[in-house]
Amino acid sequence: MHSGASASAPVPAAPPEMVSVSVPPPRGEGVAGDAAIQKSLEGAWPADLGSDDERTLLAAGRGLLRADATGVGRDVWPALFGDPDQAIAPAFSTARFRIQAAIARSGGSPDKAVVHLVWAGADRAGTYTDRRISDWHFTRTSRNGASSWTPQPRI
C-alpha cells in the first residue's frame, strides 16, 4: 500500500505565449504584402518623432524617392536634382513604381531625421523588383522662428 501520498495526474504546463513576429511577405507578393512590410518596419524602429514631424518627413521622403526614381517632381528640389532643363532620364517607370512602406525616425539628435522607404519598380529595361530600400536624411533648419526639415544630398 501507499504511504499517505496521493498520486495525481501531472498538471499540464501553460502553453507558451505566442510571440507575434512580423515577417516580410515573399518577394513578388504585390500590393497585398505592403501592410506586412510596413508592420515590419514599424516593429524594427519604434516611433520617436512627434506626429507633425513624422507626417512632414514622410511626405517629403516619399516625394524625394518618387522624384529620384521616376523624375516626377524633381523641380521641387533643385538643390538636390540640379537644373530641370538638364534633366537626367529617370531610371524607373512611373506606371510601375510604388512605395510599399515608409517610416520617419530621429537621426540621432533632435535636429536630424531619416526616412526609411521600401519600394518597388520596373526599370527602363522592364525588370521589376520589389523590396528595394532607400533612406533620405534630413536636418531641421530654423528661419524667422519657424522650423522646417531640409533633405540632405546623397553622398
C-alpha atoms as a PDB file:
ATOM      1  CA  MET A   1       0.000   0.000   0.000  1.00  0.00           C
ATOM      2  CA  HIS A   2       0.876   3.621  -0.333  1.00  0.00           C
ATOM      3  CA  SER A   3       2.222   5.699   2.445  1.00  0.00           C
ATOM      4  CA  GLY A   4      -0.306   8.522   2.651  1.00  0.00           C
ATOM      5  CA  ALA A   5       0.817  10.279  -0.558  1.00  0.00           C
ATOM      6  CA  SER A   6      -1.805  10.503  -3.203  1.00  0.00           C
ATOM      7  CA  ALA A   7      -0.958  10.190  -6.819  1.00  0.00           C
ATOM      8  CA  SER A   8      -2.322  12.877  -9.094  1.00  0.00           C
ATOM      9  CA  ALA A   9      -2.120  13.451 -12.790  1.00  0.00           C
ATOM     10  CA  PRO A  10       0.559  15.917 -13.791  1.00  0.00           C
ATOM     11  CA  VAL A  11      -0.757  19.400 -14.400  1.00  0.00           C
ATOM     12  CA  PRO A  12      -0.047  20.429 -17.965  1.00  0.00           C
ATOM     13  CA  ALA A  13       2.242  23.411 -18.300  1.00  0.00           C
ATOM     14  CA  ALA A  14       0.665  26.594 -19.579  1.00  0.00           C
ATOM     15  CA  PRO A  15       1.090  26.862 -23.324  1.00  0.00           C
ATOM     16  CA  PRO A  16       3.900  29.169 -24.333  1.00  0.00           C
ATOM     17  CA  GLU A  17       2.794  32.655 -25.262  1.00  0.00           C
ATOM     18  CA  MET A  18       2.644  33.246 -28.956  1.00  0.00           C
ATOM     19  CA  VAL A  19       5.025  35.953 -29.992  1.00  0.00           C
ATOM     20  CA  SER A  20       3.901  37.989 -32.941  1.00  0.00           C
ATOM     21  CA  VAL A  21       6.794  38.265 -35.326  1.00  0.00           C
ATOM     22  CA  SER A  22       6.366  40.484 -38.313  1.00  0.00           C
ATOM     23  CA  VAL A  23       7.785  38.573 -41.238  1.00  0.00           C
ATOM     24  CA  PRO A  24       8.061  40.284 -44.586  1.00  0.00           C
ATOM     25  CA  PRO A  25       5.950  38.697 -47.297  1.00  0.00           C
ATOM     26  CA  PRO A  26       7.600  36.729 -50.064  1.00  0.00           C
ATOM     27  CA  ARG A  27       9.111  38.780 -52.872  1.00  0.00           C
ATOM     28  CA  GLY A  28       6.655  39.457 -55.640  1.00  0.00           C
ATOM     29  CA  GLU A  29       3.642  39.407 -53.298  1.00  0.00           C
ATOM     30  CA  GLY A  30       2.483  42.706 -54.746  1.00  0.00           C
ATOM     31  CA  VAL A  31       0.270  45.253 -53.011  1.00  0.00           C
ATOM     32  CA  ALA A  32      -1.110  42.526 -50.728  1.00  0.00           C
ATOM     33  CA  GLY A  33       2.257  42.311 -48.963  1.00  0.00           C
ATOM     34  CA  ASP A  34       2.750  46.031 -48.341  1.00  0.00           C
ATOM     35  CA  ALA A  35       0.985  46.059 -44.946  1.00  0.00           C
ATOM     36  CA  ALA A  36       3.305  43.320 -43.655  1.00  0.00           C
ATOM     37  CA  ILE A  37       6.347  45.280 -44.818  1.00  0.00           C
ATOM     38  CA  GLN A  38       5.012  48.431 -43.092  1.00  0.00           C
ATOM     39  CA  LYS A  39       4.414  46.486 -39.868  1.00  0.00           C
ATOM     40  CA  SER A  40       7.917  45.019 -40.057  1.00  0.00           C
ATOM     41  CA  LEU A  41       9.487  48.483 -40.408  1.00  0.00           C
ATOM     42  CA  GLU A  42       7.450  49.867 -37.514  1.00  0.00           C
ATOM     43  CA  GLY A  43       8.426  46.904 -35.338  1.00  0.00           C
ATOM     44  CA  ALA A  44      12.113  47.264 -36.145  1.00  0.00           C
ATOM     45  CA  TRP A  45      12.246  51.007 -35.375  1.00  0.00           C
ATOM     46  CA  PRO A  46       9.826  52.266 -32.702  1.00  0.00           C
ATOM     47  CA  ALA A  47       8.364  55.714 -33.359  1.00  0.00           C
ATOM     48  CA  ASP A  48      10.382  58.516 -31.799  1.00  0.00           C
ATOM     49  CA  LEU A  49       9.188  61.703 -33.527  1.00  0.00           C
ATOM     50  CA  GLY A  50       6.187  63.901 -32.949  1.00  0.00           C
ATOM     51  CA  SER A  51       3.267  63.154 -35.265  1.00  0.00           C
ATOM     52  CA  ASP A  52       3.578  66.503 -37.126  1.00  0.00           C
ATOM     53  CA  ASP A  53       7.276  65.967 -37.808  1.00  0.00           C
ATOM     54  CA  GLU A  54       6.676  62.369 -38.836  1.00  0.00           C
ATOM     55  CA  ARG A  55       3.892  63.340 -41.240  1.00  0.00           C
ATOM     56  CA  THR A  56       6.002  66.134 -42.782  1.00  0.00           C
ATOM     57  CA  LEU A  57       9.055  63.899 -43.159  1.00  0.00           C
ATOM     58  CA  LEU A  58       7.086  61.020 -44.667  1.00  0.00           C
ATOM     59  CA  ALA A  59       5.533  63.295 -47.290  1.00  0.00           C
ATOM     60  CA  ALA A  60       8.934  64.751 -48.165  1.00  0.00           C
ATOM     61  CA  GLY A  61      10.644  61.355 -48.197  1.00  0.00           C
ATOM     62  CA  ARG A  62       8.004  59.862 -50.487  1.00  0.00           C
ATOM     63  CA  GLY A  63       8.214  62.856 -52.810  1.00  0.00           C
ATOM     64  CA  LEU A  64      12.011  62.714 -52.906  1.00  0.00           C
ATOM     65  CA  LEU A  65      12.039  58.997 -53.669  1.00  0.00           C
ATOM     66  CA  ARG A  66       9.455  59.402 -56.425  1.00  0.00           C
ATOM     67  CA  ALA A  67      11.447  62.315 -57.906  1.00  0.00           C
ATOM     68  CA  ASP A  68      14.711  60.409 -57.687  1.00  0.00           C
ATOM     69  CA  ALA A  69      13.390  57.175 -59.197  1.00  0.00           C
ATOM     70  CA  THR A  70      10.889  58.445 -61.772  1.00  0.00           C
ATOM     71  CA  GLY A  71      11.875  62.062 -62.385  1.00  0.00           C
ATOM     72  CA  VAL A  72       8.415  63.323 -61.372  1.00  0.00           C
ATOM     73  CA  GLY A  73       8.737  66.334 -59.048  1.00  0.00           C
ATOM     74  CA  ARG A  74      12.485  66.917 -59.303  1.00  0.00           C
ATOM     75  CA  ASP A  75      11.796  70.624 -59.839  1.00  0.00           C
ATOM     76  CA  VAL A  76      10.625  70.882 -56.216  1.00  0.00           C
ATOM     77  CA  TRP A  77      14.198  70.142 -55.028  1.00  0.00           C
ATOM     78  CA  PRO A  78      16.563  71.877 -57.487  1.00  0.00           C
ATOM     79  CA  ALA A  79      19.413  71.823 -54.951  1.00  0.00           C
ATOM     80  CA  LEU A  80      19.267  68.022 -54.953  1.00  0.00           C
ATOM     81  CA  PHE A  81      18.442  67.260 -58.570  1.00  0.00           C
ATOM     82  CA  GLY A  82      20.015  70.176 -60.428  1.00  0.00           C
ATOM     83  CA  ASP A  83      18.754  72.246 -63.311  1.00  0.00           C
ATOM     84  CA  PRO A  84      15.406  70.857 -64.560  1.00  0.00           C
ATOM     85  CA  ASP A  85      16.338  71.934 -68.099  1.00  0.00           C
ATOM     86  CA  GLN A  86      19.223  69.447 -67.977  1.00  0.00           C
ATOM     87  CA  ALA A  87      17.193  66.596 -66.571  1.00  0.00           C
ATOM     88  CA  ILE A  88      18.626  63.121 -66.409  1.00  0.00           C
ATOM     89  CA  ALA A  89      16.351  60.406 -67.758  1.00  0.00           C
ATOM     90  CA  PRO A  90      14.570  58.647 -64.895  1.00  0.00           C
ATOM     91  CA  ALA A  91      15.637  55.090 -64.156  1.00  0.00           C
ATOM     92  CA  PHE A  92      12.158  53.805 -63.276  1.00  0.00           C
ATOM     93  CA  SER A  93       8.761  53.887 -64.923  1.00  0.00           C
ATOM     94  CA  THR A  94       6.102  55.953 -63.181  1.00  0.00           C
ATOM     95  CA  ALA A  95       3.497  53.357 -64.156  1.00  0.00           C
ATOM     96  CA  ARG A  96       5.203  50.542 -62.254  1.00  0.00           C
ATOM     97  CA  PHE A  97       6.567  52.478 -59.265  1.00  0.00           C
ATOM     98  CA  ARG A  98       5.084  52.072 -55.806  1.00  0.00           C
ATOM     99  CA  ILE A  99       6.185  52.841 -52.268  1.00  0.00           C
ATOM    100  CA  GLN A 100       5.496  49.708 -50.245  1.00  0.00           C
ATOM    101  CA  ALA A 101       6.232  51.099 -46.775  1.00  0.00           C
ATOM    102  CA  ALA A 102       7.798  54.129 -45.087  1.00  0.00           C
ATOM    103  CA  ILE A 103       8.741  55.341 -41.622  1.00  0.00           C
ATOM    104  CA  ALA A 104      10.389  58.521 -40.343  1.00  0.00           C
ATOM    105  CA  ARG A 105      12.636  58.339 -37.297  1.00  0.00           C
ATOM    106  CA  SER A 106      15.070  60.607 -35.484  1.00  0.00           C
ATOM    107  CA  GLY A 107      18.585  60.531 -36.810  1.00  0.00           C
ATOM    108  CA  GLY A 108      20.488  60.578 -33.539  1.00  0.00           C
ATOM    109  CA  SER A 109      19.694  64.141 -32.480  1.00  0.00           C
ATOM    110  CA  PRO A 110      16.609  66.370 -32.243  1.00  0.00           C
ATOM    111  CA  ASP A 111      17.651  68.189 -35.424  1.00  0.00           C
ATOM    112  CA  LYS A 112      18.253  65.116 -37.593  1.00  0.00           C
ATOM    113  CA  ALA A 113      15.883  62.577 -39.061  1.00  0.00           C
ATOM    114  CA  VAL A 114      15.860  59.761 -41.577  1.00  0.00           C
ATOM    115  CA  VAL A 115      13.019  58.438 -43.703  1.00  0.00           C
ATOM    116  CA  HIS A 116      13.305  54.712 -44.431  1.00  0.00           C
ATOM    117  CA  LEU A 117      11.402  53.660 -47.563  1.00  0.00           C
ATOM    118  CA  VAL A 118      10.754  50.265 -49.113  1.00  0.00           C
ATOM    119  CA  TRP A 119       9.599  50.406 -52.708  1.00  0.00           C
ATOM    120  CA  ALA A 120       9.006  48.509 -55.922  1.00  0.00           C
ATOM    121  CA  GLY A 121       9.530  49.466 -59.517  1.00  0.00           C
ATOM    122  CA  ALA A 122      10.304  48.451 -63.055  1.00  0.00           C
ATOM    123  CA  ASP A 123      13.449  49.886 -64.573  1.00  0.00           C
ATOM    124  CA  ARG A 124      13.683  51.128 -68.152  1.00  0.00           C
ATOM    125  CA  ALA A 125      14.556  47.611 -69.327  1.00  0.00           C
ATOM    126  CA  GLY A 126      11.325  46.326 -67.772  1.00  0.00           C
ATOM    127  CA  THR A 127      12.903  44.424 -64.884  1.00  0.00           C
ATOM    128  CA  TYR A 128      10.558  44.638 -61.903  1.00  0.00           C
ATOM    129  CA  THR A 129      11.952  44.369 -58.396  1.00  0.00           C
ATOM    130  CA  ASP A 130      10.207  44.900 -55.079  1.00  0.00           C
ATOM    131  CA  ARG A 131      11.501  45.496 -51.551  1.00  0.00           C
ATOM    132  CA  ARG A 132      14.111  47.986 -52.688  1.00  0.00           C
ATOM    133  CA  ILE A 133      15.374  50.113 -49.802  1.00  0.00           C
ATOM    134  CA  SER A 134      16.172  53.839 -49.771  1.00  0.00           C
ATOM    135  CA  ASP A 135      16.921  56.256 -46.951  1.00  0.00           C
ATOM    136  CA  TRP A 136      16.620  60.033 -47.101  1.00  0.00           C
ATOM    137  CA  HIS A 137      18.333  62.087 -44.374  1.00  0.00           C
ATOM    138  CA  PHE A 138      17.041  65.457 -43.164  1.00  0.00           C
ATOM    139  CA  THR A 139      18.201  68.232 -40.864  1.00  0.00           C
ATOM    140  CA  ARG A 140      15.938  70.673 -39.078  1.00  0.00           C
ATOM    141  CA  THR A 141      16.550  74.278 -40.026  1.00  0.00           C
ATOM    142  CA  SER A 142      15.088  77.379 -38.425  1.00  0.00           C
ATOM    143  CA  ARG A 143      14.330  80.720 -40.028  1.00  0.00           C
ATOM    144  CA  ASN A 144      12.427  83.601 -38.528  1.00  0.00           C
ATOM    145  CA  GLY A 145      11.208  81.420 -35.665  1.00  0.00           C
ATOM    146  CA  ALA A 146       9.813  78.685 -37.930  1.00  0.00           C
ATOM    147  CA  SER A 147      11.494  75.354 -38.374  1.00  0.00           C
ATOM    148  CA  SER A 148      11.445  73.018 -41.334  1.00  0.00           C
ATOM    149  CA  TRP A 149      13.092  69.790 -42.435  1.00  0.00           C
ATOM    150  CA  THR A 150      15.700  70.077 -45.191  1.00  0.00           C
ATOM    151  CA  PRO A 151      16.704  66.991 -47.179  1.00  0.00           C
ATOM    152  CA  GLN A 152      20.425  66.290 -47.359  1.00  0.00           C
ATOM    153  CA  PRO A 153      22.200  65.473 -50.604  1.00  0.00           C
ATOM    154  CA  ARG A 154      23.164  61.856 -51.088  1.00  0.00           C
ATOM    155  CA  ILE A 155      26.833  61.174 -50.752  1.00  0.00           C
END
